[in-house]
């Protein structure tokens, strides 16, 4: 009986202290979902903690100056499309495939009407 109660006390102590340590540690997101309520409660959205200005409005995460932040976002986007790897036929990967993943060739191709729909929208 003594071994059982010693084990029980040790188990309770571990649970208690692990919860205490969790409460004291800084929030670390377990995924990048904006639908995760823990992320939203801790002001975390997709890949970044939400920064706020003095009025409580959402501020750019990259730089408090909106011009610099917007320029950075446009440059990231431009670089992504401009440096897209080439597919086996020599065309940029996005010209042949719906899904892009680094270092993986996805078998799903594009329908002919997808370019037309994109250009007309």
Protein backbone atom coordinates (compact mmCIF):
# COMPACT_ATOMS: atom_id res chain seq x y z
CA UNK A 1 0.00 0.00 0.00
CA UNK A 2 2.89 2.38 0.75
CA UNK A 3 4.32 1.98 -2.76
CA UNK A 4 0.93 2.80 -4.25
CA UNK A 5 0.43 5.97 -2.18
CA UNK A 6 4.02 7.12 -2.82
CA UNK A 7 3.43 6.68 -6.54
CA UNK A 8 0.13 8.59 -6.28
CA UNK A 9 1.77 11.52 -4.46
CA UNK A 10 4.57 11.62 -7.00
CA UNK A 11 2.07 11.55 -9.87
CA UNK A 12 0.03 14.41 -8.37
CA UNK A 13 3.20 16.44 -7.78
CA UNK A 14 4.31 15.99 -11.39
CA UNK A 15 0.89 17.04 -12.74
CA UNK A 16 0.74 20.04 -10.40
CA UNK A 17 4.23 21.29 -11.21
CA UNK A 18 3.93 20.70 -14.95
CA UNK A 19 0.75 22.81 -15.01
CA UNK A 20 2.48 25.47 -12.94
CA UNK A 21 5.42 25.54 -15.35
CA UNK A 22 3.06 25.70 -18.36
CA UNK A 23 1.31 28.73 -16.87
CA UNK A 24 4.63 30.53 -16.45
CA UNK A 25 6.07 29.85 -19.91
CA UNK A 26 5.51 32.12 -22.88
CA UNK A 27 2.87 30.97 -25.37
CA UNK A 28 4.25 28.85 -28.22
CA UNK A 29 1.82 28.04 -31.02
CA UNK A 30 1.44 24.36 -31.84
CA UNK A 31 0.17 25.06 -35.36
CA UNK A 32 -0.27 27.99 -37.71
CA UNK A 33 -4.04 27.89 -37.93
CA UNK A 34 -6.02 31.09 -37.55
CA UNK A 35 -8.93 28.84 -36.47
CA UNK A 36 -7.05 27.63 -33.38
CA UNK A 37 -8.68 29.37 -30.41
CA UNK A 38 -5.45 29.16 -28.36
CA UNK A 39 -3.64 31.07 -31.11
CA UNK A 40 -6.28 33.79 -31.23
CA UNK A 41 -6.47 34.13 -27.43
CA UNK A 42 -2.70 34.68 -27.38
CA UNK A 43 -2.75 37.22 -30.22
CA UNK A 44 -1.13 34.83 -32.70
CA UNK A 45 -2.32 34.74 -36.31
CA UNK A 46 -0.96 32.29 -38.87
CA UNK A 47 2.83 32.85 -38.61
CA UNK A 48 3.20 35.93 -36.40
CA UNK A 49 2.21 37.38 -33.08
CA UNK A 50 -0.20 40.25 -33.61
CA UNK A 51 1.41 43.62 -32.96
CA UNK A 52 -0.78 46.54 -31.94
CA UNK A 53 -0.25 50.27 -32.01
CA UNK A 54 -1.00 52.66 -29.14
CA UNK A 55 -4.69 52.77 -30.10
CA UNK A 56 -4.96 48.97 -30.05
CA UNK A 57 -5.19 48.63 -33.84
CA UNK A 58 -3.30 45.87 -35.60
CA UNK A 59 0.11 47.12 -36.72
CA UNK A 60 2.42 45.56 -39.33
CA UNK A 61 4.64 42.86 -37.83
CA UNK A 62 7.64 43.57 -40.05
CA UNK A 63 8.05 47.29 -39.39
CA UNK A 64 5.85 49.89 -37.69
CA UNK A 65 6.09 52.05 -40.82
CA UNK A 66 3.30 50.79 -43.12
CA UNK A 67 5.19 51.81 -46.27
CA UNK A 68 8.21 49.69 -45.35
CA UNK A 69 6.00 46.78 -44.25
CA UNK A 70 3.95 46.86 -47.47
CA UNK A 71 7.11 47.07 -49.59
CA UNK A 72 8.52 44.06 -47.76
CA UNK A 73 5.34 42.02 -48.37
CA UNK A 74 5.28 42.92 -52.09
CA UNK A 75 8.97 42.01 -52.43
CA UNK A 76 8.41 38.63 -50.74
CA UNK A 77 5.51 37.88 -53.06
CA UNK A 78 7.36 39.05 -56.17
CA UNK A 79 10.43 36.99 -55.24
CA UNK A 80 8.30 33.88 -54.69
CA UNK A 81 6.81 34.02 -58.19
CA UNK A 82 9.93 35.36 -59.94
CA UNK A 83 12.26 32.66 -58.59
CA UNK A 84 9.81 29.75 -58.90
CA UNK A 85 11.67 26.62 -59.93
CA UNK A 86 11.25 25.29 -63.44
CA UNK A 87 9.25 22.19 -64.20
CA UNK A 88 10.56 19.27 -66.29
CA UNK A 89 9.36 20.95 -69.50
CA UNK A 90 11.23 24.21 -68.77
CA UNK A 91 8.17 26.26 -67.79
CA UNK A 92 7.79 27.79 -64.34
CA UNK A 93 6.23 25.24 -61.99
CA UNK A 94 3.04 27.30 -61.52
CA UNK A 95 2.29 27.06 -65.26
CA UNK A 96 1.77 23.28 -64.96
CA UNK A 97 0.59 22.52 -61.41
CA UNK A 98 -2.18 23.52 -58.97
CA UNK A 99 -0.20 22.80 -55.82
CA UNK A 100 3.27 24.04 -54.94
CA UNK A 101 5.44 22.46 -52.27
CA UNK A 102 9.18 22.92 -51.98
CA UNK A 103 11.20 20.03 -53.39
CA UNK A 104 8.12 17.98 -54.31
CA UNK A 105 6.52 17.45 -57.71
CA UNK A 106 2.76 17.26 -57.29
CA UNK A 107 0.93 15.24 -59.94
CA UNK A 108 -2.13 17.51 -60.09
CA UNK A 109 -1.96 19.63 -63.21
CA UNK A 110 -3.90 22.65 -64.41
CA UNK A 111 -7.04 22.66 -66.50
CA UNK A 112 -6.86 24.73 -69.65
CA UNK A 113 -9.64 27.03 -68.49
CA UNK A 114 -7.84 28.01 -65.28
CA UNK A 115 -5.61 30.58 -67.01
CA UNK A 116 -8.58 32.01 -68.88
CA UNK A 117 -10.60 32.29 -65.67
CA UNK A 118 -7.69 33.92 -63.86
CA UNK A 119 -7.11 36.48 -66.59
CA UNK A 120 -10.80 37.35 -66.91
CA UNK A 121 -11.36 37.92 -63.18
